[in-house]
PDB file of N, CA and C in Angstrom:
ATOM      1  N   MET A   1     228.041  69.191 139.781  1.00  0.00           N
ATOM      2  CA  MET A   1     226.745  69.802 139.899  1.00  0.00           C
ATOM      3  C   MET A   1     225.673  68.746 139.642  1.00  0.00           C
ATOM      4  N   THR A   2     224.649  68.740 140.466  1.00  0.00           N
ATOM      5  CA  THR A   2     223.540  67.810 140.308  1.00  0.00           C
ATOM      6  C   THR A   2     222.671  68.238 139.131  1.00  0.00           C
ATOM      7  N   PRO A   3     222.351  67.329 138.225  1.00  0.00           N
ATOM      8  CA  PRO A   3     221.515  67.705 137.087  1.00  0.00           C
ATOM      9  C   PRO A   3     220.097  68.072 137.518  1.00  0.00           C
ATOM     10  N   ALA A   4     219.457  68.949 136.748  1.00  0.00           N
ATOM     11  CA  ALA A   4     218.056  69.296 136.998  1.00  0.00           C
ATOM     12  C   ALA A   4     217.153  68.156 136.554  1.00  0.00           C
ATOM     13  N   LEU A   5     217.610  67.441 135.542  1.00  0.00           N
ATOM     14  CA  LEU A   5     216.830  66.354 134.966  1.00  0.00           C
ATOM     15  C   LEU A   5     217.809  65.327 134.409  1.00  0.00           C
ATOM     16  N   ALA A   6     217.557  64.061 134.697  1.00  0.00           N
ATOM     17  CA  ALA A   6     218.436  63.010 134.182  1.00  0.00           C
ATOM     18  C   ALA A   6     217.590  61.844 133.679  1.00  0.00           C
ATOM     19  N   PHE A   7     218.068  61.217 132.621  1.00  0.00           N
ATOM     20  CA  PHE A   7     217.401  60.063 132.033  1.00  0.00           C
ATOM     21  C   PHE A   7     218.329  58.868 132.173  1.00  0.00           C
ATOM     22  N   HIS A   8     217.814  57.810 132.767  1.00  0.00           N
ATOM     23  CA  HIS A   8     218.617  56.615 133.037  1.00  0.00           C
ATOM     24  C   HIS A   8     218.050  55.439 132.246  1.00  0.00           C
ATOM     25  N   ASP A   9     218.697  55.119 131.125  1.00  0.00           N
ATOM     26  CA  ASP A   9     218.257  54.015 130.260  1.00  0.00           C
ATOM     27  C   ASP A   9     216.752  54.067 130.009  1.00  0.00           C
ATOM     28  N   LEU A  10     216.258  55.266 129.722  1.00  0.00           N
ATOM     29  CA  LEU A  10     214.822  55.508 129.582  1.00  0.00           C
ATOM     30  C   LEU A  10     214.302  55.046 128.234  1.00  0.00           C
ATOM     31  N   SER A  11     213.255  54.246 128.274  1.00  0.00           N
ATOM     32  CA  SER A  11     212.519  53.860 127.071  1.00  0.00           C
ATOM     33  C   SER A  11     211.069  54.257 127.279  1.00  0.00           C
ATOM     34  N   LEU A  12     210.511  54.951 126.301  1.00  0.00           N
ATOM     35  CA  LEU A  12     209.120  55.386 126.336  1.00  0.00           C
ATOM     36  C   LEU A  12     208.447  54.958 125.049  1.00  0.00           C
ATOM     37  N   GLY A  13     207.178  54.649 125.135  1.00  0.00           N
ATOM     38  CA  GLY A  13     206.457  54.274 123.928  1.00  0.00           C
ATOM     39  C   GLY A  13     205.020  53.953 124.243  1.00  0.00           C
ATOM     40  N   TYR A  14     204.395  53.305 123.309  1.00  0.00           N
ATOM     41  CA  TYR A  14     202.977  52.988 123.397  1.00  0.00           C
ATOM     42  C   TYR A  14     202.812  51.491 123.230  1.00  0.00           C
ATOM     43  N   GLY A  15     202.055  50.882 124.143  1.00  0.00           N
ATOM     44  CA  GLY A  15     202.003  49.428 124.172  1.00  0.00           C
ATOM     45  C   GLY A  15     203.388  48.949 124.555  1.00  0.00           C
ATOM     46  N   ARG A  16     203.949  48.070 123.792  1.00  0.00           N
ATOM     47  CA  ARG A  16     205.333  47.625 124.020  1.00  0.00           C
ATOM     48  C   ARG A  16     206.250  48.129 122.913  1.00  0.00           C
ATOM     49  N   ARG A  17     205.784  49.115 122.135  1.00  0.00           N
ATOM     50  CA  ARG A  17     206.577  49.640 121.014  1.00  0.00           C
ATOM     51  C   ARG A  17     207.262  50.933 121.438  1.00  0.00           C
ATOM     52  N   PRO A  18     208.561  50.883 121.683  1.00  0.00           N
ATOM     53  CA  PRO A  18     209.271  52.093 122.117  1.00  0.00           C
ATOM     54  C   PRO A  18     209.442  53.120 121.001  1.00  0.00           C
ATOM     55  N   ALA A  19     209.259  54.376 121.375  1.00  0.00           N
ATOM     56  CA  ALA A  19     209.548  55.489 120.467  1.00  0.00           C
ATOM     57  C   ALA A  19     210.864  56.142 120.884  1.00  0.00           C
ATOM     58  N   VAL A  20     211.174  56.054 122.175  1.00  0.00           N
ATOM     59  CA  VAL A  20     212.457  56.519 122.729  1.00  0.00           C
ATOM     60  C   VAL A  20     213.106  55.289 123.329  1.00  0.00           C
ATOM     61  N   ARG A  21     214.345  55.011 122.939  1.00  0.00           N
ATOM     62  CA  ARG A  21     215.015  53.779 123.391  1.00  0.00           C
ATOM     63  C   ARG A  21     216.280  54.078 124.180  1.00  0.00           C
ATOM     64  N   ARG A  22     216.288  53.630 125.421  1.00  0.00           N
ATOM     65  CA  ARG A  22     217.467  53.631 126.287  1.00  0.00           C
ATOM     66  C   ARG A  22     218.220  54.966 126.305  1.00  0.00           C
ATOM     67  N   LEU A  23     217.472  56.037 126.514  1.00  0.00           N
ATOM     68  CA  LEU A  23     218.049  57.380 126.563  1.00  0.00           C
ATOM     69  C   LEU A  23     218.834  57.564 127.857  1.00  0.00           C
ATOM     70  N   ARG A  24     220.059  58.049 127.710  1.00  0.00           N
ATOM     71  CA  ARG A  24     220.920  58.366 128.852  1.00  0.00           C
ATOM     72  C   ARG A  24     221.459  59.774 128.646  1.00  0.00           C
ATOM     73  N   CYS A  25     221.080  60.695 129.524  1.00  0.00           N
ATOM     74  CA  CYS A  25     221.666  62.032 129.481  1.00  0.00           C
ATOM     75  C   CYS A  25     221.246  62.800 130.721  1.00  0.00           C
ATOM     76  N   ALA A  26     221.897  63.926 130.924  1.00  0.00           N
ATOM     77  CA  ALA A  26     221.591  64.794 132.055  1.00  0.00           C
ATOM     78  C   ALA A  26     221.489  66.218 131.546  1.00  0.00           C
ATOM     79  N   ILE A  27     220.572  66.977 132.128  1.00  0.00           N
ATOM     80  CA  ILE A  27     220.375  68.374 131.762  1.00  0.00           C
ATOM     81  C   ILE A  27     220.737  69.231 132.967  1.00  0.00           C
ATOM     82  N   ALA A  28     221.661  70.148 132.771  1.00  0.00           N
ATOM     83  CA  ALA A  28     222.156  70.997 133.855  1.00  0.00           C
ATOM     84  C   ALA A  28     221.107  72.037 134.252  1.00  0.00           C
ATOM     85  N   PRO A  29     221.067  72.394 135.530  1.00  0.00           N
ATOM     86  CA  PRO A  29     220.137  73.438 135.974  1.00  0.00           C
ATOM     87  C   PRO A  29     220.396  74.747 135.231  1.00  0.00           C
ATOM     88  N   GLY A  30     219.330  75.402 134.809  1.00  0.00           N
ATOM     89  CA  GLY A  30     219.448  76.685 134.130  1.00  0.00           C
ATOM     90  C   GLY A  30     219.865  76.613 132.680  1.00  0.00           C
ATOM     91  N   SER A  31     220.069  75.414 132.168  1.00  0.00           N
ATOM     92  CA  SER A  31     220.507  75.297 130.774  1.00  0.00           C
ATOM     93  C   SER A  31     219.321  75.452 129.830  1.00  0.00           C
ATOM     94  N   LEU A  32     219.626  75.801 128.613  1.00  0.00           N
ATOM     95  CA  LEU A  32     218.631  75.878 127.555  1.00  0.00           C
ATOM     96  C   LEU A  32     218.827  74.634 126.706  1.00  0.00           C
ATOM     97  N   THR A  33     217.809  73.811 126.629  1.00  0.00           N
ATOM     98  CA  THR A  33     217.924  72.533 125.946  1.00  0.00           C
ATOM     99  C   THR A  33     216.889  72.436 124.843  1.00  0.00           C
ATOM    100  N   ALA A  34     217.299  72.060 123.657  1.00  0.00           N
ATOM    101  CA  ALA A  34     216.388  71.875 122.526  1.00  0.00           C
ATOM    102  C   ALA A  34     216.245  70.382 122.260  1.00  0.00           C
ATOM    103  N   VAL A  35     215.032  69.970 121.951  1.00  0.00           N
ATOM    104  CA  VAL A  35     214.763  68.594 121.548  1.00  0.00           C
ATOM    105  C   VAL A  35     214.389  68.657 120.076  1.00  0.00           C
ATOM    106  N   VAL A  36     215.263  68.152 119.224  1.00  0.00           N
ATOM    107  CA  VAL A  36     215.058  68.245 117.782  1.00  0.00           C
ATOM    108  C   VAL A  36     215.152  66.873 117.140  1.00  0.00           C
ATOM    109  N   GLY A  37     214.499  66.743 116.004  1.00  0.00           N
ATOM    110  CA  GLY A  37     214.558  65.491 115.259  1.00  0.00           C
ATOM    111  C   GLY A  37     213.428  65.435 114.254  1.00  0.00           C
ATOM    112  N   PRO A  38     213.486  64.471 113.366  1.00  0.00           N
ATOM    113  CA  PRO A  38     212.445  64.345 112.341  1.00  0.00           C
ATOM    114  C   PRO A  38     211.119  63.870 112.939  1.00  0.00           C
ATOM    115  N   ASN A  39     210.059  63.974 112.154  1.00  0.00           N
ATOM    116  CA  ASN A  39     208.764  63.447 112.587  1.00  0.00           C
ATOM    117  C   ASN A  39     208.912  61.976 112.955  1.00  0.00           C
ATOM    118  N   GLY A  40     208.285  61.599 114.057  1.00  0.00           N
ATOM    119  CA  GLY A  40     208.331  60.205 114.482  1.00  0.00           C
ATOM    120  C   GLY A  40     209.559  59.816 115.275  1.00  0.00           C
ATOM    121  N   ALA A  41     210.428  60.784 115.587  1.00  0.00           N
ATOM    122  CA  ALA A  41     211.661  60.466 116.310  1.00  0.00           C
ATOM    123  C   ALA A  41     211.442  60.276 117.818  1.00  0.00           C
ATOM    124  N   GLY A  42     210.285  60.695 118.342  1.00  0.00           N
ATOM    125  CA  GLY A  42     210.008  60.506 119.765  1.00  0.00           C
ATOM    126  C   GLY A  42     210.058  61.781 120.594  1.00  0.00           C
ATOM    127  N   LYS A  43     210.111  62.942 119.950  1.00  0.00           N
ATOM    128  CA  LYS A  43     210.196  64.209 120.698  1.00  0.00           C
ATOM    129  C   LYS A  43     208.978  64.418 121.598  1.00  0.00           C
ATOM    130  N   SER A  44     207.787  64.295 121.038  1.00  0.00           N
ATOM    131  CA  SER A  44     206.561  64.476 121.824  1.00  0.00           C
ATOM    132  C   SER A  44     206.428  63.391 122.885  1.00  0.00           C
ATOM    133  N   THR A  45     206.826  62.192 122.553  1.00  0.00           N
ATOM    134  CA  THR A  45     206.780  61.088 123.507  1.00  0.00           C
ATOM    135  C   THR A  45     207.684  61.387 124.697  1.00  0.00           C
ATOM    136  N   LEU A  46     208.871  61.925 124.449  1.00  0.00           N
ATOM    137  CA  LEU A  46     209.778  62.291 125.527  1.00  0.00           C
ATOM    138  C   LEU A  46     209.150  63.360 126.420  1.00  0.00           C
ATOM    139  N   LEU A  47     208.553  64.381 125.813  1.00  0.00           N
ATOM    140  CA  LEU A  47     207.917  65.441 126.603  1.00  0.00           C
ATOM    141  C   LEU A  47     206.762  64.902 127.432  1.00  0.00           C
ATOM    142  N   LYS A  48     205.999  63.979 126.885  1.00  0.00           N
ATOM    143  CA  LYS A  48     204.913  63.358 127.649  1.00  0.00           C
ATOM    144  C   LYS A  48     205.473  62.579 128.834  1.00  0.00           C
ATOM    145  N   GLY A  49     206.613  61.938 128.658  1.00  0.00           N
ATOM    146  CA  GLY A  49     207.255  61.217 129.766  1.00  0.00           C
ATOM    147  C   GLY A  49     207.728  62.163 130.850  1.00  0.00           C
ATOM    148  N   ILE A  50     208.327  63.284 130.463  1.00  0.00           N
ATOM    149  CA  ILE A  50     208.833  64.253 131.433  1.00  0.00           C
ATOM    150  C   ILE A  50     207.695  64.834 132.269  1.00  0.00           C
ATOM    151  N   THR A  51     206.554  65.103 131.632  1.00  0.00           N
ATOM    152  CA  THR A  51     205.434  65.705 132.355  1.00  0.00           C
ATOM    153  C   THR A  51     204.622  64.687 133.143  1.00  0.00           C
ATOM    154  N   GLY A  52     204.945  63.411 133.010  1.00  0.00           N
ATOM    155  CA  GLY A  52     204.221  62.384 133.755  1.00  0.00           C
ATOM    156  C   GLY A  52     203.008  61.852 133.019  1.00  0.00           C
ATOM    157  N   GLY A  53     202.812  62.277 131.779  1.00  0.00           N
ATOM    158  CA  GLY A  53     201.674  61.822 131.004  1.00  0.00           C
ATOM    159  C   GLY A  53     201.865  60.457 130.374  1.00  0.00           C
ATOM    160  N   LEU A  54     203.074  59.932 130.458  1.00  0.00           N
ATOM    161  CA  LEU A  54     203.387  58.633 129.879  1.00  0.00           C
ATOM    162  C   LEU A  54     204.405  57.939 130.778  1.00  0.00           C
ATOM    163  N   ALA A  55     204.069  56.749 131.224  1.00  0.00           N
ATOM    164  CA  ALA A  55     204.961  55.993 132.106  1.00  0.00           C
ATOM    165  C   ALA A  55     206.069  55.330 131.284  1.00  0.00           C
ATOM    166  N   PRO A  56     207.286  55.284 131.830  1.00  0.00           N
ATOM    167  CA  PRO A  56     208.389  54.618 131.120  1.00  0.00           C
ATOM    168  C   PRO A  56     208.116  53.130 130.901  1.00  0.00           C
ATOM    169  N   LEU A  57     208.545  52.635 129.752  1.00  0.00           N
ATOM    170  CA  LEU A  57     208.515  51.196 129.503  1.00  0.00           C
ATOM    171  C   LEU A  57     209.636  50.535 130.297  1.00  0.00           C
ATOM    172  N   GLU A  58     210.749  51.254 130.408  1.00  0.00           N
ATOM    173  CA  GLU A  58     211.874  50.826 131.246  1.00  0.00           C
ATOM    174  C   GLU A  58     212.736  52.043 131.547  1.00  0.00           C
ATOM    175  N   GLY A  59     213.604  51.904 132.517  1.00  0.00           N
ATOM    176  CA  GLY A  59     214.444  53.012 132.935  1.00  0.00           C
ATOM    177  C   GLY A  59     213.673  54.013 133.771  1.00  0.00           C
ATOM    178  N   ARG A  60     214.290  55.199 133.960  1.00  0.00           N
ATOM    179  CA  ARG A  60     213.617  56.188 134.799  1.00  0.00           C
ATOM    180  C   ARG A  60     214.050  57.607 134.451  1.00  0.00           C
ATOM    181  N   ILE A  61     213.205  58.547 134.888  1.00  0.00           N
ATOM    182  CA  ILE A  61     213.472  59.974 134.774  1.00  0.00           C
ATOM    183  C   ILE A  61     213.691  60.468 136.193  1.00  0.00           C
ATOM    184  N   GLU A  62     214.778  61.174 136.395  1.00  0.00           N
ATOM    185  CA  GLU A  62     215.106  61.662 137.748  1.00  0.00           C
ATOM    186  C   GLU A  62     215.169  63.183 137.733  1.00  0.00           C
ATOM    187  N   PHE A  63     214.417  63.782 138.641  1.00  0.00           N
ATOM    188  CA  PHE A  63     214.446  65.228 138.800  1.00  0.00           C
ATOM    189  C   PHE A  63     215.459  65.564 139.873  1.00  0.00           C
ATOM    190  N   GLY A  64     216.201  66.657 139.704  1.00  0.00           N
ATOM    191  CA  GLY A  64     217.237  67.058 140.640  1.00  0.00           C
ATOM    192  C   GLY A  64     216.703  67.322 142.035  1.00  0.00           C
ATOM    193  N   VAL A  65     217.600  67.319 143.005  1.00  0.00           N
ATOM    194  CA  VAL A  65     217.240  67.563 144.406  1.00  0.00           C
ATOM    195  C   VAL A  65     216.548  68.913 144.511  1.00  0.00           C
ATOM    196  N   GLY A  66     215.384  68.916 145.109  1.00  0.00           N
ATOM    197  CA  GLY A  66     214.632  70.154 145.287  1.00  0.00           C
ATOM    198  C   GLY A  66     213.900  70.616 144.044  1.00  0.00           C
ATOM    199  N   ALA A  67     214.067  69.912 142.929  1.00  0.00           N
ATOM    200  CA  ALA A  67     213.382  70.316 141.695  1.00  0.00           C
ATOM    201  C   ALA A  67     211.916  69.943 141.781  1.00  0.00           C
ATOM    202  N   ARG A  68     211.068  70.851 141.333  1.00  0.00           N
ATOM    203  CA  ARG A  68     209.635  70.580 141.268  1.00  0.00           C
ATOM    204  C   ARG A  68     209.306  70.111 139.864  1.00  0.00           C
ATOM    205  N   ARG A  69     208.411  69.169 139.779  1.00  0.00           N
ATOM    206  CA  ARG A  69     207.972  68.677 138.474  1.00  0.00           C
ATOM    207  C   ARG A  69     206.946  69.677 137.931  1.00  0.00           C
ATOM    208  N   THR A  70     207.449  70.733 137.282  1.00  0.00           N
ATOM    209  CA  THR A  70     206.573  71.818 136.853  1.00  0.00           C
ATOM    210  C   THR A  70     206.455  71.935 135.341  1.00  0.00           C
ATOM    211  N   ALA A  71     206.920  70.966 134.620  1.00  0.00           N
ATOM    212  CA  ALA A  71     206.829  71.017 133.165  1.00  0.00           C
ATOM    213  C   ALA A  71     205.386  70.778 132.729  1.00  0.00           C
ATOM    214  N   ALA A  72     205.003  71.389 131.638  1.00  0.00           N
ATOM    215  CA  ALA A  72     203.688  71.175 131.046  1.00  0.00           C
ATOM    216  C   ALA A  72     203.887  70.852 129.573  1.00  0.00           C
ATOM    217  N   TYR A  73     202.890  70.223 128.996  1.00  0.00           N
ATOM    218  CA  TYR A  73     202.991  69.813 127.599  1.00  0.00           C
ATOM    219  C   TYR A  73     201.732  70.244 126.873  1.00  0.00           C
ATOM    220  N   LEU A  74     201.877  71.007 125.816  1.00  0.00           N
ATOM    221  CA  LEU A  74     200.774  71.384 124.946  1.00  0.00           C
ATOM    222  C   LEU A  74     200.928  70.552 123.682  1.00  0.00           C
ATOM    223  N   PRO A  75     199.931  69.703 123.383  1.00  0.00           N
ATOM    224  CA  PRO A  75     200.079  68.797 122.245  1.00  0.00           C
ATOM    225  C   PRO A  75     200.191  69.521 120.908  1.00  0.00           C
ATOM    226  N   GLN A  76     200.695  68.791 119.940  1.00  0.00           N
ATOM    227  CA  GLN A  76     200.805  69.326 118.591  1.00  0.00           C
ATOM    228  C   GLN A  76     199.418  69.659 118.057  1.00  0.00           C
ATOM    229  N   GLN A  77     199.387  70.541 117.099  1.00  0.00           N
ATOM    230  CA  GLN A  77     198.141  71.012 116.520  1.00  0.00           C
ATOM    231  C   GLN A  77     197.236  69.856 116.089  1.00  0.00           C
ATOM    232  N   SER A  78     197.800  68.811 115.519  1.00  0.00           N
ATOM    233  CA  SER A  78     196.994  67.696 115.024  1.00  0.00           C
ATOM    234  C   SER A  78     196.307  66.932 116.151  1.00  0.00           C
ATOM    235  N   GLU A  79     196.786  67.070 117.393  1.00  0.00           N
ATOM    236  CA  GLU A  79     196.191  66.375 118.528  1.00  0.00           C
ATOM    237  C   GLU A  79     195.134  67.216 119.244  1.00  0.00           C
ATOM    238  N   ILE A  80     194.937  68.463 118.829  1.00  0.00           N
ATOM    239  CA  ILE A  80     193.996  69.358 119.485  1.00  0.00           C
ATOM    240  C   ILE A  80     192.636  69.268 118.800  1.00  0.00           C
ATOM    241  N   ASP A  81     191.581  69.123 119.593  1.00  0.00           N
ATOM    242  CA  ASP A  81     190.216  69.106 119.069  1.00  0.00           C
ATOM    243  C   ASP A  81     189.782  70.543 118.828  1.00  0.00           C
ATOM    244  N   ARG A  82     189.792  70.970 117.594  1.00  0.00           N
ATOM    245  CA  ARG A  82     189.473  72.358 117.246  1.00  0.00           C
ATOM    246  C   ARG A  82     188.003  72.706 117.472  1.00  0.00           C
ATOM    247  N   THR A  83     187.153  71.716 117.718  1.00  0.00           N
ATOM    248  CA  THR A  83     185.739  72.003 117.980  1.00  0.00           C
ATOM    249  C   THR A  83     185.495  72.305 119.448  1.00  0.00           C
ATOM    250  N   PHE A  84     186.492  72.065 120.299  1.00  0.00           N
ATOM    251  CA  PHE A  84     186.342  72.334 121.731  1.00  0.00           C
ATOM    252  C   PHE A  84     186.402  73.841 121.947  1.00  0.00           C
ATOM    253  N   PRO A  85     185.376  74.427 122.571  1.00  0.00           N
ATOM    254  CA  PRO A  85     185.310  75.895 122.700  1.00  0.00           C
ATOM    255  C   PRO A  85     186.210  76.429 123.816  1.00  0.00           C
ATOM    256  N   VAL A  86     187.388  76.886 123.466  1.00  0.00           N
ATOM    257  CA  VAL A  86     188.318  77.460 124.437  1.00  0.00           C
ATOM    258  C   VAL A  86     188.998  78.667 123.780  1.00  0.00           C
ATOM    259  N   THR A  87     189.134  79.745 124.541  1.00  0.00           N
ATOM    260  CA  THR A  87     189.781  80.950 124.013  1.00  0.00           C
ATOM    261  C   THR A  87     191.283  80.890 124.279  1.00  0.00           C
ATOM    262  N   VAL A  88     192.013  81.796 123.640  1.00  0.00           N
ATOM    263  CA  VAL A  88     193.454  81.894 123.870  1.00  0.00           C
ATOM    264  C   VAL A  88     193.705  82.148 125.353  1.00  0.00           C
ATOM    265  N   PHE A  89     192.950  83.064 125.955  1.00  0.00           N
ATOM    266  CA  PHE A  89     193.107  83.372 127.375  1.00  0.00           C
ATOM    267  C   PHE A  89     192.917  82.119 128.225  1.00  0.00           C
ATOM    268  N   GLU A  90     191.850  81.365 127.961  1.00  0.00           N
ATOM    269  CA  GLU A  90     191.557  80.156 128.744  1.00  0.00           C
ATOM    270  C   GLU A  90     192.634  79.089 128.554  1.00  0.00           C
ATOM    271  N   LEU A  91     193.134  78.962 127.341  1.00  0.00           N
ATOM    272  CA  LEU A  91     194.173  77.980 127.069  1.00  0.00           C
ATOM    273  C   LEU A  91     195.445  78.314 127.851  1.00  0.00           C
ATOM    274  N   VAL A  92     195.844  79.585 127.841  1.00  0.00           N
ATOM    275  CA  VAL A  92     197.034  79.994 128.587  1.00  0.00           C
ATOM    276  C   VAL A  92     196.790  79.838 130.083  1.00  0.00           C
ATOM    277  N   ALA A  93     195.581  80.138 130.540  1.00  0.00           N
ATOM    278  CA  ALA A  93     195.245  80.008 131.967  1.00  0.00           C
ATOM    279  C   ALA A  93     195.366  78.561 132.453  1.00  0.00           C
ATOM    280  N   MET A  94     195.231  77.598 131.545  1.00  0.00           N
ATOM    281  CA  MET A  94     195.381  76.187 131.935  1.00  0.00           C
ATOM    282  C   MET A  94     196.775  75.913 132.490  1.00  0.00           C
ATOM    283  N   GLY A  95     197.730  76.740 132.128  1.00  0.00           N
ATOM    284  CA  GLY A  95     199.081  76.593 132.659  1.00  0.00           C
ATOM    285  C   GLY A  95     199.171  76.882 134.148  1.00  0.00           C
ATOM    286  N   LEU A  96     198.141  77.497 134.717  1.00  0.00           N
ATOM    287  CA  LEU A  96     198.104  77.797 136.153  1.00  0.00           C
ATOM    288  C   LEU A  96     197.445  76.696 136.962  1.00  0.00           C
ATOM    289  N   TRP A  97     197.001  75.650 136.294  1.00  0.00           N
ATOM    290  CA  TRP A  97     196.244  74.595 136.969  1.00  0.00           C
ATOM    291  C   TRP A  97     196.970  74.060 138.200  1.00  0.00           C
ATOM    292  N   ARG A  98     198.260  73.869 138.097  1.00  0.00           N
ATOM    293  CA  ARG A  98     199.029  73.318 139.219  1.00  0.00           C
ATOM    294  C   ARG A  98     198.966  74.248 140.433  1.00  0.00           C
ATOM    295  N   ASP A  99     198.921  75.557 140.189  1.00  0.00           N
ATOM    296  CA  ASP A  99     198.891  76.539 141.275  1.00  0.00           C
ATOM    297  C   ASP A  99     197.496  76.749 141.845  1.00  0.00           C
ATOM    298  N   ILE A 100     196.464  76.765 141.000  1.00  0.00           N
ATOM    299  CA  ILE A 100     195.126  77.117 141.481  1.00  0.00           C
ATOM    300  C   ILE A 100     194.148  75.955 141.518  1.00  0.00           C
ATOM    301  N   GLY A 101     194.498  74.820 140.921  1.00  0.00           N
ATOM    302  CA  GLY A 101     193.616  73.658 140.932  1.00  0.00           C
ATOM    303  C   GLY A 101     192.495  73.786 139.908  1.00  0.00           C
ATOM    304  N   PRO A 102     191.655  72.752 139.823  1.00  0.00           N
ATOM    305  CA  PRO A 102     190.630  72.722 138.789  1.00  0.00           C
ATOM    306  C   PRO A 102     189.515  73.758 138.981  1.00  0.00           C
ATOM    307  N   PHE A 103     189.274  74.192 140.225  1.00  0.00           N
ATOM    308  CA  PHE A 103     188.179  75.126 140.467  1.00  0.00           C
ATOM    309  C   PHE A 103     188.663  76.424 141.094  1.00  0.00           C
ATOM    310  N   GLY A 104     189.960  76.680 141.009  1.00  0.00           N
ATOM    311  CA  GLY A 104     190.537  77.884 141.588  1.00  0.00           C
ATOM    312  C   GLY A 104     190.142  79.143 140.837  1.00  0.00           C
ATOM    313  N   ARG A 105     190.204  80.242 141.524  1.00  0.00           N
ATOM    314  CA  ARG A 105     189.848  81.544 140.962  1.00  0.00           C
ATOM    315  C   ARG A 105     191.071  82.155 140.275  1.00  0.00           C
ATOM    316  N   ILE A 106     190.829  82.784 139.149  1.00  0.00           N
ATOM    317  CA  ILE A 106     191.898  83.491 138.448  1.00  0.00           C
ATOM    318  C   ILE A 106     191.819  84.945 138.885  1.00  0.00           C
ATOM    319  N   GLY A 107     192.634  85.296 139.877  1.00  0.00           N
ATOM    320  CA  GLY A 107     192.640  86.650 140.415  1.00  0.00           C
ATOM    321  C   GLY A 107     193.414  87.614 139.529  1.00  0.00           C
ATOM    322  N   SER A 108     193.501  88.865 139.987  1.00  0.00           N
ATOM    323  CA  SER A 108     194.158  89.904 139.186  1.00  0.00           C
ATOM    324  C   SER A 108     195.638  89.599 138.960  1.00  0.00           C
ATOM    325  N   GLY A 109     196.311  89.018 139.953  1.00  0.00           N
ATOM    326  CA  GLY A 109     197.724  88.660 139.777  1.00  0.00           C
ATOM    327  C   GLY A 109     197.913  87.626 138.691  1.00  0.00           C
ATOM    328  N   ASN A 110     197.046  86.620 138.690  1.00  0.00           N
ATOM    329  CA  ASN A 110     197.134  85.590 137.658  1.00  0.00           C
ATOM    330  C   ASN A 110     196.724  86.135 136.290  1.00  0.00           C
ATOM    331  N   ARG A 111     195.773  87.052 136.256  1.00  0.00           N
ATOM    332  CA  ARG A 111     195.384  87.675 134.984  1.00  0.00           C
ATOM    333  C   ARG A 111     196.580  88.421 134.377  1.00  0.00           C
ATOM    334  N   ARG A 112     197.372  89.080 135.242  1.00  0.00           N
ATOM    335  CA  ARG A 112     198.575  89.764 134.757  1.00  0.00           C
ATOM    336  C   ARG A 112     199.575  88.761 134.199  1.00  0.00           C
ATOM    337  N   ARG A 113     199.749  87.638 134.906  1.00  0.00           N
ATOM    338  CA  ARG A 113     200.675  86.605 134.430  1.00  0.00           C
ATOM    339  C   ARG A 113     200.243  86.062 133.072  1.00  0.00           C
ATOM    340  N   ILE A 114     198.941  85.848 132.911  1.00  0.00           N
ATOM    341  CA  ILE A 114     198.409  85.345 131.647  1.00  0.00           C
ATOM    342  C   ILE A 114     198.635  86.373 130.538  1.00  0.00           C
ATOM    343  N   ALA A 115     198.347  87.639 130.829  1.00  0.00           N
ATOM    344  CA  ALA A 115     198.545  88.710 129.838  1.00  0.00           C
ATOM    345  C   ALA A 115     200.009  88.808 129.433  1.00  0.00           C
ATOM    346  N   GLU A 116     200.920  88.676 130.395  1.00  0.00           N
ATOM    347  CA  GLU A 116     202.357  88.717 130.087  1.00  0.00           C
ATOM    348  C   GLU A 116     202.753  87.559 129.182  1.00  0.00           C
ATOM    349  N   ALA A 117     202.243  86.370 129.484  1.00  0.00           N
ATOM    350  CA  ALA A 117     202.569  85.200 128.667  1.00  0.00           C
ATOM    351  C   ALA A 117     202.041  85.366 127.245  1.00  0.00           C
ATOM    352  N   ILE A 118     200.840  85.864 127.117  1.00  0.00           N
ATOM    353  CA  ILE A 118     200.250  86.084 125.797  1.00  0.00           C
ATOM    354  C   ILE A 118     201.060  87.136 125.041  1.00  0.00           C
ATOM    355  N   GLY A 119     201.456  88.195 125.738  1.00  0.00           N
ATOM    356  CA  GLY A 119     202.276  89.233 125.110  1.00  0.00           C
ATOM    357  C   GLY A 119     203.642  88.731 124.686  1.00  0.00           C
ATOM    358  N   THR A 120     204.216  87.845 125.483  1.00  0.00           N
ATOM    359  CA  THR A 120     205.540  87.298 125.177  1.00  0.00           C
ATOM    360  C   THR A 120     205.573  86.585 123.832  1.00  0.00           C
ATOM    361  N   VAL A 121     204.478  85.917 123.492  1.00  0.00           N
ATOM    362  CA  VAL A 121     204.437  85.195 122.217  1.00  0.00           C
ATOM    363  C   VAL A 121     203.771  86.009 121.105  1.00  0.00           C
ATOM    364  N   GLY A 122     203.514  87.304 121.372  1.00  0.00           N
ATOM    365  CA  GLY A 122     202.989  88.192 120.345  1.00  0.00           C
ATOM    366  C   GLY A 122     201.515  87.999 120.015  1.00  0.00           C
ATOM    367  N   LEU A 123     200.726  87.536 120.983  1.00  0.00           N
ATOM    368  CA  LEU A 123     199.303  87.303 120.713  1.00  0.00           C
ATOM    369  C   LEU A 123     198.370  88.281 121.437  1.00  0.00           C
ATOM    370  N   THR A 124     198.917  89.409 121.918  1.00  0.00           N
ATOM    371  CA  THR A 124     198.072  90.409 122.550  1.00  0.00           C
ATOM    372  C   THR A 124     197.002  90.847 121.552  1.00  0.00           C
ATOM    373  N   GLY A 125     195.764  90.904 122.025  1.00  0.00           N
ATOM    374  CA  GLY A 125     194.644  91.241 121.157  1.00  0.00           C
ATOM    375  C   GLY A 125     193.870  90.013 120.677  1.00  0.00           C
ATOM    376  N   PHE A 126     194.438  88.838 120.898  1.00  0.00           N
ATOM    377  CA  PHE A 126     193.783  87.597 120.481  1.00  0.00           C
ATOM    378  C   PHE A 126     193.194  86.826 121.656  1.00  0.00           C
ATOM    379  N   GLU A 127     193.160  87.439 122.831  1.00  0.00           N
ATOM    380  CA  GLU A 127     192.739  86.729 124.048  1.00  0.00           C
ATOM    381  C   GLU A 127     191.366  86.080 123.950  1.00  0.00           C
ATOM    382  N   LYS A 128     190.437  86.702 123.232  1.00  0.00           N
ATOM    383  CA  LYS A 128     189.064  86.182 123.160  1.00  0.00           C
ATOM    384  C   LYS A 128     188.830  85.249 121.979  1.00  0.00           C
ATOM    385  N   ARG A 129     189.840  85.009 121.173  1.00  0.00           N
ATOM    386  CA  ARG A 129     189.687  84.089 120.036  1.00  0.00           C
ATOM    387  C   ARG A 129     189.841  82.659 120.483  1.00  0.00           C
TER     388      ARG A 129
END
């Protein structure tokens, strides 16, 4: 079976300082995969690499045949500017950016999708916060 995602001697980091070193593994389609480790182990760095927010220092990330690069990354709380005025609804709606673009309209279908996502994580009623 062709993997949905594969890492080939992948190193990711900042400047020339790797946080992830020579990662080799494959993730099967439909699998549930957890990325765990202590602070500073490179978990967020790996996610930034998968989403395209960080270029590999060496090696490569390969998406399976026909796989769309649809992963998104929400930074850790410490990386979020809490003074930026955005509601829970607007933050969740940012996940639709790939589908609707920067100036796309959030129609009734997308509003339902946003409401479902908010409900899934137990935040119904907090949309305007």
